């Protein structure tokens, strides 16, 4: 991380958006991994919120419908039904969260 002088009052915080897969302990036989890497864990929040289409795009629920429907127009409520396709820049991040989908 960052090498800082003691007592500087600055605490380096880790990046929150970066996904580092958890590596479970793997059985090493005869000093080798036998060509196997440990399995990657799926983020439990991502598997509840996103699905991948057949072409690999990320499908998600429409945003902006949890509360505050009184101030929204009827057209806005109607257009936010169902699901939508996530933008490609955000989809790259979500695909890392769901490695086997």
N, C-alpha and C. Protein backbone atom coordinates (compact mmCIF):
# COMPACT_ATOMS: atom_id res chain seq x y z
N UNK A 1 0.83 -1.19 0.00
CA UNK A 1 0.00 0.00 0.00
C UNK A 1 0.88 1.25 0.00
N UNK A 2 0.59 2.16 0.90
CA UNK A 2 1.33 3.40 0.95
C UNK A 2 2.30 3.40 2.13
N UNK A 3 3.51 3.85 1.88
CA UNK A 3 4.49 3.96 2.96
C UNK A 3 4.44 5.39 3.49
N UNK A 4 3.92 5.56 4.69
CA UNK A 4 3.77 6.89 5.27
C UNK A 4 4.48 6.97 6.61
N UNK A 5 4.84 8.18 6.99
CA UNK A 5 5.51 8.38 8.27
C UNK A 5 4.52 8.14 9.39
N UNK A 6 5.03 7.65 10.52
CA UNK A 6 4.16 7.41 11.67
C UNK A 6 3.61 8.71 12.21
N UNK A 7 2.37 8.64 12.65
CA UNK A 7 1.76 9.81 13.28
C UNK A 7 1.35 10.88 12.29
N UNK A 8 1.29 10.55 11.01
CA UNK A 8 0.91 11.57 10.03
C UNK A 8 -0.59 11.85 10.06
N UNK A 9 -1.36 10.94 10.72
CA UNK A 9 -2.80 11.15 10.80
C UNK A 9 -3.55 10.66 9.58
N UNK A 10 -2.87 10.09 8.62
CA UNK A 10 -3.51 9.59 7.41
C UNK A 10 -3.55 8.08 7.45
N UNK A 11 -4.73 7.55 7.25
CA UNK A 11 -4.88 6.09 7.24
C UNK A 11 -5.30 5.67 5.83
N UNK A 12 -4.48 4.88 5.20
CA UNK A 12 -4.79 4.42 3.85
C UNK A 12 -5.92 3.42 3.92
N UNK A 13 -6.96 3.65 3.13
CA UNK A 13 -8.10 2.73 3.09
C UNK A 13 -8.04 1.93 1.80
N UNK A 14 -8.45 0.68 1.84
CA UNK A 14 -8.42 -0.11 0.62
C UNK A 14 -9.49 0.33 -0.36
N UNK A 15 -9.26 0.05 -1.64
CA UNK A 15 -10.28 0.37 -2.64
C UNK A 15 -11.46 -0.57 -2.45
N UNK A 16 -12.64 -0.03 -2.46
CA UNK A 16 -13.82 -0.83 -2.18
C UNK A 16 -14.40 -1.47 -3.43
N UNK A 17 -14.11 -0.92 -4.61
CA UNK A 17 -14.72 -1.46 -5.82
C UNK A 17 -13.96 -2.63 -6.40
N UNK A 18 -12.77 -2.89 -5.90
CA UNK A 18 -11.96 -3.95 -6.48
C UNK A 18 -12.30 -5.29 -5.84
N UNK A 19 -12.54 -6.29 -6.65
CA UNK A 19 -12.94 -7.60 -6.16
C UNK A 19 -11.73 -8.51 -6.12
N UNK A 20 -11.36 -8.96 -4.96
CA UNK A 20 -10.26 -9.91 -4.82
C UNK A 20 -10.87 -11.24 -4.40
N UNK A 21 -10.76 -12.28 -5.23
CA UNK A 21 -11.39 -13.54 -4.88
C UNK A 21 -10.77 -14.17 -3.64
N UNK A 22 -11.62 -14.79 -2.85
CA UNK A 22 -11.16 -15.46 -1.64
C UNK A 22 -10.55 -16.80 -2.04
N UNK A 23 -9.34 -17.06 -1.59
CA UNK A 23 -8.66 -18.29 -1.95
C UNK A 23 -8.77 -19.29 -0.81
N UNK A 24 -9.63 -20.30 -0.92
CA UNK A 24 -9.74 -21.29 0.15
C UNK A 24 -8.50 -22.17 0.18
N UNK A 25 -8.20 -22.76 1.32
CA UNK A 25 -7.04 -23.64 1.37
C UNK A 25 -7.22 -24.83 0.43
N UNK A 26 -6.22 -25.11 -0.35
CA UNK A 26 -6.29 -26.18 -1.33
C UNK A 26 -5.35 -27.31 -0.91
N UNK A 27 -5.74 -28.50 -1.19
CA UNK A 27 -4.93 -29.66 -0.82
C UNK A 27 -3.77 -29.77 -1.80
N UNK A 28 -2.58 -29.76 -1.28
CA UNK A 28 -1.40 -29.91 -2.11
C UNK A 28 -0.92 -31.35 -1.99
N UNK A 29 -0.93 -32.06 -3.09
CA UNK A 29 -0.52 -33.47 -3.09
C UNK A 29 0.86 -33.58 -3.73
N UNK A 30 1.78 -34.19 -3.03
CA UNK A 30 3.15 -34.42 -3.52
C UNK A 30 3.83 -33.12 -3.96
N UNK A 31 3.55 -32.04 -3.25
CA UNK A 31 4.21 -30.78 -3.54
C UNK A 31 3.71 -30.06 -4.78
N UNK A 32 2.57 -30.46 -5.36
CA UNK A 32 2.06 -29.77 -6.54
C UNK A 32 0.55 -29.56 -6.38
N UNK A 33 0.03 -28.60 -7.16
CA UNK A 33 -1.40 -28.31 -7.14
C UNK A 33 -2.16 -29.21 -8.10
N UNK A 34 -1.48 -30.03 -8.83
CA UNK A 34 -2.06 -30.93 -9.82
C UNK A 34 -2.86 -30.18 -10.88
N UNK A 35 -2.39 -28.98 -11.22
CA UNK A 35 -3.03 -28.20 -12.28
C UNK A 35 -4.34 -27.56 -11.91
N UNK A 36 -4.71 -27.53 -10.64
CA UNK A 36 -6.00 -26.97 -10.25
C UNK A 36 -5.80 -25.70 -9.42
N UNK A 37 -6.57 -24.70 -9.75
CA UNK A 37 -6.62 -23.49 -8.93
C UNK A 37 -7.85 -23.58 -8.04
N UNK A 38 -7.84 -22.90 -6.91
CA UNK A 38 -9.03 -22.94 -6.06
C UNK A 38 -10.23 -22.27 -6.74
N UNK A 39 -11.40 -22.70 -6.34
CA UNK A 39 -12.63 -22.15 -6.92
C UNK A 39 -12.81 -20.71 -6.48
N UNK A 40 -13.41 -19.91 -7.36
CA UNK A 40 -13.70 -18.52 -7.04
C UNK A 40 -15.10 -18.43 -6.44
N UNK A 41 -15.24 -17.60 -5.44
CA UNK A 41 -16.55 -17.43 -4.81
C UNK A 41 -17.35 -16.36 -5.55
N UNK A 42 -18.65 -16.60 -5.68
CA UNK A 42 -19.56 -15.63 -6.26
C UNK A 42 -20.01 -14.67 -5.17
N UNK A 43 -20.04 -13.37 -5.50
CA UNK A 43 -20.55 -12.39 -4.53
C UNK A 43 -22.05 -12.64 -4.33
N UNK A 44 -22.46 -12.85 -3.09
CA UNK A 44 -23.85 -13.22 -2.83
C UNK A 44 -24.80 -12.08 -3.18
N UNK A 45 -24.37 -10.84 -3.05
CA UNK A 45 -25.23 -9.71 -3.43
C UNK A 45 -25.44 -9.64 -4.93
N UNK A 46 -24.42 -10.02 -5.70
CA UNK A 46 -24.53 -9.95 -7.16
C UNK A 46 -25.43 -11.04 -7.71
N UNK A 47 -25.38 -12.23 -7.10
CA UNK A 47 -26.21 -13.30 -7.65
C UNK A 47 -27.69 -13.07 -7.36
N UNK A 48 -28.00 -12.22 -6.37
CA UNK A 48 -29.40 -11.88 -6.10
C UNK A 48 -29.92 -10.78 -7.01
N UNK A 49 -29.03 -9.95 -7.55
CA UNK A 49 -29.46 -8.76 -8.27
C UNK A 49 -29.29 -8.83 -9.78
N UNK A 50 -28.39 -9.67 -10.28
CA UNK A 50 -28.07 -9.66 -11.71
C UNK A 50 -28.19 -11.05 -12.32
N UNK A 51 -28.51 -11.07 -13.62
CA UNK A 51 -28.52 -12.29 -14.42
C UNK A 51 -27.76 -11.99 -15.70
N UNK A 52 -27.12 -13.01 -16.26
CA UNK A 52 -26.44 -12.85 -17.53
C UNK A 52 -27.30 -13.41 -18.65
N UNK A 53 -27.35 -12.69 -19.76
CA UNK A 53 -28.10 -13.15 -20.92
C UNK A 53 -27.27 -14.17 -21.69
N UNK A 54 -27.84 -14.74 -22.73
CA UNK A 54 -27.13 -15.75 -23.51
C UNK A 54 -25.92 -15.16 -24.22
N UNK A 55 -25.97 -13.88 -24.56
CA UNK A 55 -24.84 -13.22 -25.22
C UNK A 55 -23.84 -12.64 -24.23
N UNK A 56 -24.09 -12.82 -22.93
CA UNK A 56 -23.14 -12.36 -21.93
C UNK A 56 -23.40 -10.97 -21.39
N UNK A 57 -24.50 -10.34 -21.77
CA UNK A 57 -24.84 -9.03 -21.23
C UNK A 57 -25.44 -9.20 -19.84
N UNK A 58 -25.36 -8.15 -19.04
CA UNK A 58 -25.86 -8.23 -17.67
C UNK A 58 -27.24 -7.59 -17.61
N UNK A 59 -28.21 -8.36 -17.14
CA UNK A 59 -29.58 -7.89 -17.00
C UNK A 59 -29.82 -7.51 -15.54
N UNK A 60 -30.46 -6.36 -15.31
CA UNK A 60 -30.70 -5.90 -13.95
C UNK A 60 -32.10 -5.29 -13.86
N UNK A 61 -32.59 -5.14 -12.64
CA UNK A 61 -33.87 -4.48 -12.43
C UNK A 61 -33.73 -3.00 -12.70
N UNK A 62 -34.83 -2.38 -13.08
CA UNK A 62 -34.83 -0.93 -13.31
C UNK A 62 -34.58 -0.22 -11.99
N UNK A 63 -33.84 0.87 -12.04
CA UNK A 63 -33.55 1.64 -10.83
C UNK A 63 -34.62 2.71 -10.61
N UNK A 64 -34.67 3.23 -9.39
CA UNK A 64 -35.55 4.34 -9.08
C UNK A 64 -36.98 3.95 -8.77
N UNK A 65 -37.23 2.71 -8.31
CA UNK A 65 -38.61 2.30 -8.02
C UNK A 65 -38.77 1.77 -6.60
N UNK A 66 -37.88 2.08 -5.69
CA UNK A 66 -38.00 1.57 -4.32
C UNK A 66 -38.98 2.41 -3.51
N UNK A 67 -38.95 3.70 -3.70
CA UNK A 67 -39.85 4.57 -2.94
C UNK A 67 -40.03 5.87 -3.70
N UNK A 68 -40.96 6.72 -3.22
CA UNK A 68 -41.16 8.02 -3.84
C UNK A 68 -41.94 7.97 -5.14
N UNK A 69 -42.90 7.03 -5.24
CA UNK A 69 -43.66 6.90 -6.49
C UNK A 69 -44.67 8.04 -6.67
N UNK A 70 -45.02 8.73 -5.58
CA UNK A 70 -46.02 9.81 -5.68
C UNK A 70 -45.49 10.94 -6.55
N UNK A 71 -44.22 11.26 -6.41
CA UNK A 71 -43.68 12.38 -7.19
C UNK A 71 -43.28 11.99 -8.60
N UNK A 72 -43.29 10.73 -8.95
CA UNK A 72 -42.93 10.30 -10.31
C UNK A 72 -44.16 10.40 -11.22
N UNK A 73 -43.92 10.65 -12.48
CA UNK A 73 -45.03 10.69 -13.42
C UNK A 73 -45.44 9.26 -13.77
N UNK A 74 -46.67 9.12 -14.27
CA UNK A 74 -47.15 7.79 -14.66
C UNK A 74 -46.31 7.20 -15.78
N UNK A 75 -45.84 8.03 -16.68
CA UNK A 75 -44.99 7.55 -17.77
C UNK A 75 -43.67 7.01 -17.22
N UNK A 76 -43.12 7.70 -16.24
CA UNK A 76 -41.85 7.26 -15.66
C UNK A 76 -42.02 5.92 -14.94
N UNK A 77 -43.10 5.77 -14.20
CA UNK A 77 -43.36 4.51 -13.49
C UNK A 77 -43.57 3.38 -14.50
N UNK A 78 -44.28 3.66 -15.58
CA UNK A 78 -44.56 2.66 -16.59
C UNK A 78 -43.28 2.23 -17.32
N UNK A 79 -42.40 3.17 -17.61
CA UNK A 79 -41.17 2.85 -18.33
C UNK A 79 -40.15 2.14 -17.47
N UNK A 80 -40.32 2.18 -16.15
CA UNK A 80 -39.37 1.54 -15.26
C UNK A 80 -39.81 0.15 -14.83
N UNK A 81 -40.77 -0.43 -15.51
CA UNK A 81 -41.18 -1.80 -15.20
C UNK A 81 -40.13 -2.77 -15.70
N UNK A 82 -40.08 -3.92 -15.05
CA UNK A 82 -39.27 -5.01 -15.57
C UNK A 82 -37.78 -4.81 -15.40
N UNK A 83 -37.01 -5.27 -16.40
CA UNK A 83 -35.56 -5.26 -16.32
C UNK A 83 -34.97 -4.47 -17.48
N UNK A 84 -33.67 -4.20 -17.38
CA UNK A 84 -32.95 -3.48 -18.42
C UNK A 84 -31.55 -4.08 -18.53
N UNK A 85 -30.84 -3.71 -19.59
CA UNK A 85 -29.47 -4.17 -19.80
C UNK A 85 -28.52 -3.13 -19.21
N UNK A 86 -27.56 -3.60 -18.43
CA UNK A 86 -26.60 -2.71 -17.78
C UNK A 86 -25.59 -2.17 -18.79
N UNK A 87 -25.08 -0.97 -18.54
CA UNK A 87 -24.07 -0.40 -19.43
C UNK A 87 -22.81 -1.25 -19.39
N UNK A 88 -22.07 -1.23 -20.47
CA UNK A 88 -20.93 -2.14 -20.62
C UNK A 88 -19.82 -1.86 -19.62
N UNK A 89 -19.62 -0.59 -19.25
CA UNK A 89 -18.56 -0.27 -18.30
C UNK A 89 -18.87 -0.82 -16.92
N UNK A 90 -20.14 -0.78 -16.51
CA UNK A 90 -20.52 -1.36 -15.23
C UNK A 90 -20.60 -2.88 -15.30
N UNK A 91 -20.96 -3.40 -16.47
CA UNK A 91 -21.11 -4.85 -16.63
C UNK A 91 -19.78 -5.57 -16.48
N UNK A 92 -18.67 -4.92 -16.86
CA UNK A 92 -17.35 -5.53 -16.70
C UNK A 92 -17.07 -5.84 -15.23
N UNK A 93 -17.47 -4.94 -14.35
CA UNK A 93 -17.24 -5.13 -12.91
C UNK A 93 -18.12 -6.25 -12.39
N UNK A 94 -19.38 -6.28 -12.80
CA UNK A 94 -20.33 -7.28 -12.30
C UNK A 94 -19.92 -8.68 -12.77
N UNK A 95 -19.37 -8.80 -13.98
CA UNK A 95 -18.96 -10.12 -14.47
C UNK A 95 -17.86 -10.73 -13.61
N UNK A 96 -17.03 -9.91 -12.99
CA UNK A 96 -16.00 -10.41 -12.09
C UNK A 96 -16.63 -10.95 -10.81
N UNK A 97 -17.76 -10.38 -10.40
CA UNK A 97 -18.44 -10.81 -9.19
C UNK A 97 -19.11 -12.17 -9.37
N UNK A 98 -19.47 -12.50 -10.62
CA UNK A 98 -20.19 -13.75 -10.90
C UNK A 98 -19.35 -14.56 -11.88
N UNK A 99 -18.30 -15.24 -11.41
CA UNK A 99 -17.35 -15.86 -12.33
C UNK A 99 -17.89 -17.04 -13.12
N UNK A 100 -18.89 -17.77 -12.62
CA UNK A 100 -19.35 -18.99 -13.28
C UNK A 100 -20.73 -18.84 -13.92
N UNK A 101 -21.23 -17.61 -14.03
CA UNK A 101 -22.57 -17.40 -14.60
C UNK A 101 -22.53 -17.43 -16.11
